[in-house]
C-alpha cells in the first residue's frame, strides 16, 4: 500500500505542509514507534487507570515533574487543569462543574496571552466554569490577585501578541499566595523548563513535535495532577482520551529521548538554506531566515510579498493552497504582507516542490496580471464563508 492510497480512497487533496505543526492540517507525522504501540494496544482491554499511571511515569521522567496524565488534547488540558485548581480532589465539586457557586473561580492571565489559537483562550477558561481576569502589560500583576483567584495561566505560543512578564517572574508572583500556575506550552520543544521554573502544571501536545497520536500531556505537582485526573468523573469525561492515544503518548515520549535532534536540526537548516537560495531572485519577493519566536530550535523562512510581485501575500498563499498538491504556508500574519515557510514536517524533496510552486505562482500572476484584486478583508470573508458552508464544497 502506498502512502497516498488513503488520500485517493477518501478523495482528499494531497498536501505539502510548509506551515508547521498546525491542527488544521493534522499537526504532524506520527512517529513509527507511536503508531506501532497504538496499534498494538487496540486489540487489548486495559484498566485505563493503570494505563494512565504508566503514562504518568513516562511524563514525569520526560519532564522532571512529580506526576502526569494524558488528555484528549492540549486545549482540553487547559480546561481540565483550571477545573482541578477550583475543585481539588473533591468529587462533589467535580461533579457539579461548570457550576462554580461558592468556589474560587477567577483565572489571572496577561492580556497579550488571550489569543485565538483556533479557538479563544478565554473559552478554554470558561468551559470549566471559571472567569478570565486579563492583566494589561505594565500593570502590577499582583493587584489582580483577590480572594476569588483560583489559578494563573501563562501561554507560550507564536500566537501571543505580547509575551509580557517572563515565565519565571510570572510564577514568582503567584507562588507566595499558593495560587497554582498553569502553563500552556503545547507546541514547545522544552519539556523540562516550565516545571523546573516552578510551574504547577505544564501542558504539551502529544501530537505536534512529539509525534504521538492526538492527545494532550499534563505534567506537574502530584496533588494538582491527581485533581486534574479526577476530572474524568466530571467535565473531563466529555474530553476523554482512548487507550490508543495514551499508549501513543508513552511511545512518543520514549522515542523523543532517543531522537537525533541534532540531525533533525541540520536537515531543517538545509531546507531553509535551499529556500533562501531558490527564492532570493523571485521578482517582488524578499526572503530571510527567522528564528522561532518562542525559542524552539527551528529556523523558518519569512517570505515578504511586495506590490511589484503582482499579487498580495494572501493571494499568493491562496493560490499555493489551490495547487495540486496543495502547498500550505504559515499564514497567520498575512495581513502584514508576509508568510513563513516551516521545514519541520516536510518529506524529502518537498522543499523543492514548495520553492518551484512559489516561483511559478508569482510568474503566472505577472503574466496574467490578475493579482492585487482581493483585499485582505474580502479574503477573510471568503475563507469564513467556505467554512460556514461545510460540508458542502469539501
Protein backbone atom coordinates (compact mmCIF):
# COMPACT_ATOMS: atom_id res chain seq x y z
CA UNK A 1 0.00 0.00 0.00
CA UNK A 2 1.42 3.38 -0.95
CA UNK A 3 1.21 6.35 1.39
CA UNK A 4 -1.28 8.06 -0.93
CA UNK A 5 -3.79 5.19 -1.16
CA UNK A 6 -5.94 6.54 1.67
CA UNK A 7 -5.79 10.04 0.18
CA UNK A 8 -7.20 8.74 -3.09
CA UNK A 9 -9.73 6.43 -1.43
CA UNK A 10 -11.20 9.23 0.70
CA UNK A 11 -10.96 11.73 -2.17
CA UNK A 12 -8.77 14.10 -0.20
CA UNK A 13 -6.29 16.61 -1.53
CA UNK A 14 -2.62 15.81 -1.20
CA UNK A 15 -0.98 18.47 0.96
CA UNK A 16 2.60 19.60 1.34
CA UNK A 17 2.85 21.06 4.82
CA UNK A 18 5.21 24.04 4.89
CA UNK A 19 3.13 25.54 7.69
CA UNK A 20 4.36 23.60 10.72
CA UNK A 21 2.55 21.66 13.44
CA UNK A 22 -0.91 23.00 12.67
CA UNK A 23 -4.02 21.22 13.97
CA UNK A 24 -5.99 22.13 10.84
CA UNK A 25 -3.53 20.10 8.75
CA UNK A 26 -3.29 17.13 11.12
CA UNK A 27 -0.50 18.63 13.27
CA UNK A 28 2.40 16.31 12.46
CA UNK A 29 3.54 12.95 11.18
CA UNK A 30 3.07 10.22 13.80
CA UNK A 31 6.32 8.59 14.85
CA UNK A 32 6.57 4.91 13.83
CA UNK A 33 7.04 3.93 17.48
CA UNK A 34 3.84 5.70 18.49
CA UNK A 35 1.87 4.23 15.59
CA UNK A 36 3.12 0.73 16.42
CA UNK A 37 2.29 0.92 20.14
CA UNK A 38 -1.14 2.40 19.45
CA UNK A 39 -1.89 -0.41 17.01
CA UNK A 40 -0.55 -2.98 19.46
CA UNK A 41 -2.88 -1.93 22.27
CA UNK A 42 -6.02 -1.63 20.14
CA UNK A 43 -6.87 -5.34 20.46
CA UNK A 44 -6.42 -5.41 24.24
CA UNK A 45 -8.66 -4.47 27.14
CA UNK A 46 -6.86 -2.48 29.80
CA UNK A 47 -7.63 -0.78 33.07
CA UNK A 48 -7.46 2.87 32.00
CA UNK A 49 -6.37 4.00 35.46
CA UNK A 50 -3.41 1.61 35.23
CA UNK A 51 -2.56 2.75 31.71
CA UNK A 52 -2.76 6.39 32.76
CA UNK A 53 -0.48 5.65 35.71
CA UNK A 54 2.06 4.18 33.28
CA UNK A 55 1.74 7.29 31.14
CA UNK A 56 2.20 9.44 34.22
CA UNK A 57 5.51 7.74 34.94
CA UNK A 58 6.67 8.36 31.36
CA UNK A 59 5.60 12.02 31.55
CA UNK A 60 7.31 12.50 34.91
CA UNK A 61 10.55 11.02 33.59
CA UNK A 62 10.49 13.23 30.47
CA UNK A 63 9.57 16.47 32.22
CA UNK A 64 11.02 16.20 35.71
CA UNK A 65 7.54 16.61 37.18
CA UNK A 66 6.13 14.70 40.12
CA UNK A 67 3.28 13.25 38.06
CA UNK A 68 1.44 13.45 34.78
CA UNK A 69 -1.55 12.24 32.81
CA UNK A 70 -2.89 12.21 29.26
CA UNK A 71 -5.91 14.15 27.98
CA UNK A 72 -7.69 14.23 24.65
CA UNK A 73 -5.78 17.34 23.55
CA UNK A 74 -3.68 20.19 24.88
CA UNK A 75 -6.65 22.54 24.63
CA UNK A 76 -8.83 20.24 26.75
CA UNK A 77 -5.97 20.02 29.25
CA UNK A 78 -6.26 23.77 29.85
CA UNK A 79 -9.91 23.44 30.87
CA UNK A 80 -9.21 20.36 32.95
CA UNK A 81 -6.26 21.97 34.75
CA UNK A 82 -8.35 25.04 35.59
CA UNK A 83 -11.14 22.78 36.83
CA UNK A 84 -8.64 20.97 39.05
CA UNK A 85 -7.50 24.24 40.58
CA UNK A 86 -11.09 25.04 41.52
CA UNK A 87 -12.22 21.66 42.82
CA UNK A 88 -9.14 19.91 44.15
CA UNK A 89 -9.95 16.20 44.67
CA UNK A 90 -13.49 16.91 45.99
CA UNK A 91 -15.77 14.64 43.91
CA UNK A 92 -18.86 16.63 44.82
CA UNK A 93 -17.34 19.79 43.40
CA UNK A 94 -16.02 17.90 40.36
CA UNK A 95 -19.46 16.54 39.52
CA UNK A 96 -21.20 19.91 39.61
CA UNK A 97 -18.87 21.89 37.34
CA UNK A 98 -19.29 24.18 35.47
CA UNK A 99 -21.43 25.40 38.40
CA UNK A 100 -18.80 27.21 40.47
CA UNK A 101 -21.03 28.73 43.14
CA UNK A 102 -19.00 29.04 46.32
CA UNK A 103 -15.71 28.20 44.58
CA UNK A 104 -12.79 30.44 43.77
CA UNK A 105 -13.19 30.84 40.02
CA UNK A 106 -11.02 33.66 38.66
CA UNK A 107 -8.04 32.87 36.43
CA UNK A 108 -5.41 35.60 36.02
CA UNK A 109 -3.86 35.83 32.57
CA UNK A 110 -1.82 38.52 30.85
CA UNK A 111 -3.91 40.31 28.22
CA UNK A 112 -1.42 39.56 25.45
CA UNK A 113 -1.87 35.85 26.12
CA UNK A 114 -5.63 35.90 25.47
CA UNK A 115 -5.15 34.78 21.90
CA UNK A 116 -7.12 32.70 19.45
CA UNK A 117 -5.22 29.52 18.59
CA UNK A 118 -8.19 28.19 16.56
CA UNK A 119 -10.49 28.94 19.49
CA UNK A 120 -10.23 31.68 22.12
CA UNK A 121 -8.11 31.06 25.23
CA UNK A 122 -10.94 32.70 27.20
CA UNK A 123 -13.26 29.90 26.10
CA UNK A 124 -10.93 27.22 27.47
CA UNK A 125 -11.17 29.00 30.82
CA UNK A 126 -14.95 29.45 30.71
CA UNK A 127 -15.58 25.84 29.73
CA UNK A 128 -14.58 24.87 33.25
CA UNK A 129 -16.93 27.49 34.71
CA UNK A 130 -14.13 29.92 35.56
CA UNK A 131 -13.71 33.55 34.50
CA UNK A 132 -10.59 35.10 32.94
CA UNK A 133 -9.09 38.18 34.59
CA UNK A 134 -6.97 39.97 31.99
CA UNK A 135 -3.98 41.99 33.19
CA UNK A 136 -2.65 44.65 30.83
CA UNK A 137 1.07 44.92 30.14
CA UNK A 138 2.78 47.27 32.56
CA UNK A 139 0.15 46.88 35.27
CA UNK A 140 1.20 45.44 38.62
CA UNK A 141 0.02 41.86 38.24
CA UNK A 142 -0.25 41.36 42.00
CA UNK A 143 -3.18 43.80 42.00
CA UNK A 144 -5.20 41.23 40.06
CA UNK A 145 -4.97 38.68 42.88
CA UNK A 146 -8.10 38.51 45.01
CA UNK A 147 -9.74 36.11 47.42
CA UNK A 148 -11.52 34.64 44.36
CA UNK A 149 -8.33 33.84 42.39
CA UNK A 150 -8.08 30.12 41.72
CA UNK A 151 -5.20 29.93 39.22
CA UNK A 152 -2.95 31.84 36.87
CA UNK A 153 -2.50 30.89 33.21
CA UNK A 154 0.59 31.56 31.10
CA UNK A 155 0.62 30.90 27.36
CA UNK A 156 3.80 30.12 25.40
CA UNK A 157 2.90 30.36 21.71
CA UNK A 158 3.77 32.17 18.50
CA UNK A 159 0.18 33.47 18.63
CA UNK A 160 0.92 35.54 21.75
CA UNK A 161 0.65 39.24 20.93
CA UNK A 162 2.78 40.44 23.87
CA UNK A 163 4.78 37.91 25.94
CA UNK A 164 4.76 40.35 28.84
CA UNK A 165 6.36 39.07 32.02
CA UNK A 166 8.85 36.19 31.63
CA UNK A 167 7.56 32.87 32.89
CA UNK A 168 9.92 32.64 35.86
CA UNK A 169 8.86 36.07 37.10
CA UNK A 170 5.19 35.25 36.50
CA UNK A 171 5.46 32.10 38.61
CA UNK A 172 7.27 34.01 41.37
CA UNK A 173 4.32 36.43 41.69
CA UNK A 174 1.83 33.67 42.50
CA UNK A 175 3.92 31.19 44.49
CA UNK A 176 3.78 33.13 47.80
CA UNK A 177 -0.02 33.23 47.52
CA UNK A 178 -0.36 29.48 46.96
CA UNK A 179 -2.01 30.07 43.58
CA UNK A 180 -1.22 27.35 41.03
CA UNK A 181 0.35 28.46 37.75
CA UNK A 182 -0.76 26.59 34.62
CA UNK A 183 1.50 26.87 31.56
CA UNK A 184 0.16 26.16 28.09
CA UNK A 185 3.24 25.20 26.07
CA UNK A 186 1.55 22.88 23.62
CA UNK A 187 3.94 23.49 20.72
CA UNK A 188 7.20 23.69 22.63
CA UNK A 189 10.32 21.53 22.47
CA UNK A 190 11.36 22.26 26.05
CA UNK A 191 9.75 19.50 28.11
CA UNK A 192 11.57 20.34 31.34
CA UNK A 193 11.87 24.13 31.55
CA UNK A 194 8.42 25.15 32.88
CA UNK A 195 8.38 22.53 35.64
CA UNK A 196 11.96 23.42 36.60
CA UNK A 197 10.86 27.06 36.92
CA UNK A 198 8.09 26.02 39.32
CA UNK A 199 5.01 25.66 37.10
CA UNK A 200 2.32 23.64 38.88
CA UNK A 201 1.01 22.21 35.60
CA UNK A 202 2.72 22.32 32.21
CA UNK A 203 0.65 21.31 29.18
CA UNK A 204 2.04 19.85 25.96
CA UNK A 205 0.66 18.41 22.76
CA UNK A 206 1.48 14.74 22.35
CA UNK A 207 0.94 15.09 18.61
CA UNK A 208 2.91 18.12 17.49
CA UNK A 209 6.68 17.98 17.97
CA UNK A 210 6.45 14.70 19.91
CA UNK A 211 4.71 12.90 17.04
CA UNK A 212 2.23 10.84 19.03
CA UNK A 213 -1.45 10.46 18.26
CA UNK A 214 -3.71 13.40 19.01
CA UNK A 215 -3.60 13.91 22.78
CA UNK A 216 -2.50 16.34 25.46
CA UNK A 217 0.02 15.87 28.24
CA UNK A 218 -0.20 17.38 31.71
CA UNK A 219 2.90 17.39 33.90
CA UNK A 220 3.24 18.88 37.34
CA UNK A 221 2.65 18.67 41.07
CA UNK A 222 1.26 15.33 42.18
CA UNK A 223 -1.71 16.75 44.09
CA UNK A 224 -2.96 19.01 41.31
CA UNK A 225 -2.34 16.34 38.65
CA UNK A 226 -4.44 13.95 40.74
CA UNK A 227 -7.19 16.56 40.93
CA UNK A 228 -6.93 17.03 37.18
CA UNK A 229 -7.17 13.31 36.53
CA UNK A 230 -10.24 13.09 38.76
CA UNK A 231 -11.99 15.49 36.38
CA UNK A 232 -12.69 12.32 34.38
CA UNK A 233 -15.51 11.95 36.92
CA UNK A 234 -16.85 15.29 35.67
CA UNK A 235 -16.20 17.56 32.70
CA UNK A 236 -13.10 15.56 31.75
CA UNK A 237 -15.37 12.67 30.82
CA UNK A 238 -16.55 14.74 27.87
CA UNK A 239 -12.94 15.20 26.75
CA UNK A 240 -11.74 11.64 27.30
CA UNK A 241 -8.75 10.11 25.57
CA UNK A 242 -8.71 6.50 24.38
CA UNK A 243 -6.22 3.75 25.14
CA UNK A 244 -4.56 4.18 21.74
CA UNK A 245 -3.93 7.88 22.41
CA UNK A 246 -2.43 7.15 25.83
CA UNK A 247 -0.21 4.36 24.50
CA UNK A 248 0.88 6.55 21.60
CA UNK A 249 1.88 9.30 24.01
CA UNK A 250 4.02 6.89 26.05
CA UNK A 251 5.79 5.67 22.91
CA UNK A 252 6.27 9.22 21.61
CA UNK A 253 7.90 10.29 24.88
CA UNK A 254 10.21 7.28 24.84
CA UNK A 255 11.15 7.98 21.20
CA UNK A 256 11.78 11.66 21.99
CA UNK A 257 14.51 10.73 24.44
CA UNK A 258 16.27 8.68 21.73
CA UNK A 259 15.71 11.01 18.76
CA UNK A 260 18.72 12.50 16.98
CA UNK A 261 17.71 16.13 17.48
CA UNK A 262 20.98 17.43 16.03
CA UNK A 263 20.39 15.57 12.77
CA UNK A 264 16.82 16.87 12.54
CA UNK A 265 18.06 20.39 13.15
CA UNK A 266 20.73 20.06 10.46
CA UNK A 267 18.19 18.81 7.93
CA UNK A 268 15.84 21.69 8.65
CA UNK A 269 18.63 24.24 8.32
CA UNK A 270 19.47 22.70 4.94
CA UNK A 271 15.87 23.12 3.81
CA UNK A 272 15.85 26.76 4.92
CA UNK A 273 19.09 27.36 3.01
CA UNK A 274 17.57 25.87 -0.15
CA UNK A 275 14.53 28.14 0.12
CA UNK A 276 16.68 31.21 0.61
CA UNK A 277 18.79 30.37 -2.42
CA UNK A 278 15.81 29.40 -4.60
CA UNK A 279 13.58 32.39 -3.83
CA UNK A 280 16.06 35.22 -3.43
CA UNK A 281 15.78 36.31 -7.07
CA UNK A 282 11.99 35.98 -7.48
CA UNK A 283 10.70 39.43 -8.51
CA UNK A 284 8.68 41.12 -5.78
CA UNK A 285 9.71 38.75 -3.00
CA UNK A 286 12.26 39.17 -0.24
CA UNK A 287 13.31 36.28 1.96
CA UNK A 288 15.12 35.98 5.26
CA UNK A 289 15.76 33.30 7.85
CA UNK A 290 14.00 33.85 11.19
CA UNK A 291 14.44 32.05 14.50
CA UNK A 292 11.35 30.70 16.24
CA UNK A 293 9.70 33.38 18.35
CA UNK A 294 9.33 31.17 21.44
CA UNK A 295 12.84 29.74 21.37
CA UNK A 296 12.20 26.36 19.74
CA UNK A 297 15.21 25.10 17.73
CA UNK A 298 13.59 25.90 14.38
CA UNK A 299 14.50 28.44 11.73
CA UNK A 300 11.79 29.39 9.28
CA UNK A 301 12.00 31.42 6.10
CA UNK A 302 10.00 34.65 6.06
CA UNK A 303 8.66 35.44 2.59
CA UNK A 304 7.66 39.09 2.23
CA UNK A 305 5.42 39.79 -0.77
CA UNK A 306 5.77 43.29 -2.21
CA UNK A 307 3.41 45.02 -4.61
CA UNK A 308 5.72 44.54 -7.58
CA UNK A 309 5.22 40.78 -7.17
CA UNK A 310 1.87 41.36 -8.87
CA UNK A 311 -0.24 39.90 -6.06
CA UNK A 312 -0.80 40.24 -2.34
CA UNK A 313 0.63 37.84 0.23
CA UNK A 314 -2.80 36.37 0.96
CA UNK A 315 -3.46 35.88 -2.75
CA UNK A 316 -0.17 34.04 -3.15
CA UNK A 317 -0.93 31.84 -0.13
CA UNK A 318 -4.41 31.06 -1.51
CA UNK A 319 -3.02 30.17 -4.94
CA UNK A 320 -0.42 27.92 -3.41
CA UNK A 321 -3.13 26.17 -1.42
CA UNK A 322 -5.21 25.68 -4.58
CA UNK A 323 -2.42 23.80 -6.37
CA UNK A 324 -2.16 20.04 -6.74
CA UNK A 325 -0.52 19.10 -4.50
CA UNK A 326 -1.80 21.84 -2.21
CA UNK A 327 1.08 23.82 -0.69
CA UNK A 328 0.25 25.23 2.74
CA UNK A 329 2.34 28.01 4.24
CA UNK A 330 2.34 29.50 7.74
CA UNK A 331 -0.27 32.15 7.05
CA UNK A 332 -1.37 33.67 10.36
CA UNK A 333 0.31 37.05 9.65
CA UNK A 334 -0.71 37.50 6.02
CA UNK A 335 -2.26 40.91 6.67
CA UNK A 336 1.26 42.23 7.27
CA UNK A 337 2.32 41.19 3.77
CA UNK A 338 4.33 38.08 4.57
CA UNK A 339 4.15 34.42 5.44
CA UNK A 340 6.62 31.83 6.74
CA UNK A 341 7.85 28.54 5.39
CA UNK A 342 8.35 25.90 8.07
CA UNK A 343 10.64 22.91 7.38
CA UNK A 344 9.73 20.59 10.25
CA UNK A 345 7.04 18.45 8.58
CA UNK A 346 8.37 18.08 5.05
CA UNK A 347 9.06 14.75 3.38
CA UNK A 348 12.31 14.52 1.39
CA UNK A 349 12.08 16.51 -1.82
CA UNK A 350 9.01 18.51 -0.86
CA UNK A 351 11.11 21.59 -0.10
CA UNK A 352 11.99 21.83 -3.80
CA UNK A 353 8.32 21.49 -4.78
CA UNK A 354 7.47 24.36 -2.42
CA UNK A 355 10.12 26.63 -3.94
CA UNK A 356 9.05 25.82 -7.51
CA UNK A 357 5.39 26.42 -6.65
CA UNK A 358 6.08 29.88 -5.19
CA UNK A 359 8.17 30.91 -8.19
CA UNK A 360 5.54 29.57 -10.59
CA UNK A 361 2.63 31.41 -8.96
CA UNK A 362 4.50 34.74 -8.95
CA UNK A 363 5.43 34.29 -12.61
CA UNK A 364 1.83 33.39 -13.55
CA UNK A 365 0.47 36.43 -11.70
CA UNK A 366 2.88 38.69 -13.60
CA UNK A 367 1.90 37.10 -16.92
CA UNK A 368 -1.86 37.18 -16.31
CA UNK A 369 -1.91 40.43 -14.36
CA UNK A 370 -4.71 39.02 -12.25
CA UNK A 371 -3.33 39.78 -8.79
CA UNK A 372 -3.73 42.60 -6.27
CA UNK A 373 -7.50 42.36 -6.66
CA UNK A 374 -8.76 40.89 -3.39
CA UNK A 375 -8.48 42.90 -0.19
CA UNK A 376 -7.43 41.10 2.96
CA UNK A 377 -10.89 41.70 4.45
CA UNK A 378 -12.55 40.02 1.48
CA UNK A 379 -10.02 37.20 1.63
CA UNK A 380 -11.01 36.53 5.26
CA UNK A 381 -14.71 36.75 4.44
CA UNK A 382 -14.30 34.22 1.65
CA UNK A 383 -12.46 31.75 3.90
CA UNK A 384 -15.07 32.12 6.64
CA UNK A 385 -17.95 31.76 4.17
CA UNK A 386 -16.49 28.49 2.91
CA UNK A 387 -16.20 27.12 6.45
CA UNK A 388 -19.80 28.12 7.21
CA UNK A 389 -20.93 26.07 4.21
CA UNK A 390 -19.29 22.87 5.49
CA UNK A 391 -19.65 20.04 4.46
CA UNK A 392 -20.73 21.39 1.07
CA UNK A 393 -17.70 22.11 -1.09
CA UNK A 394 -15.38 19.88 0.91
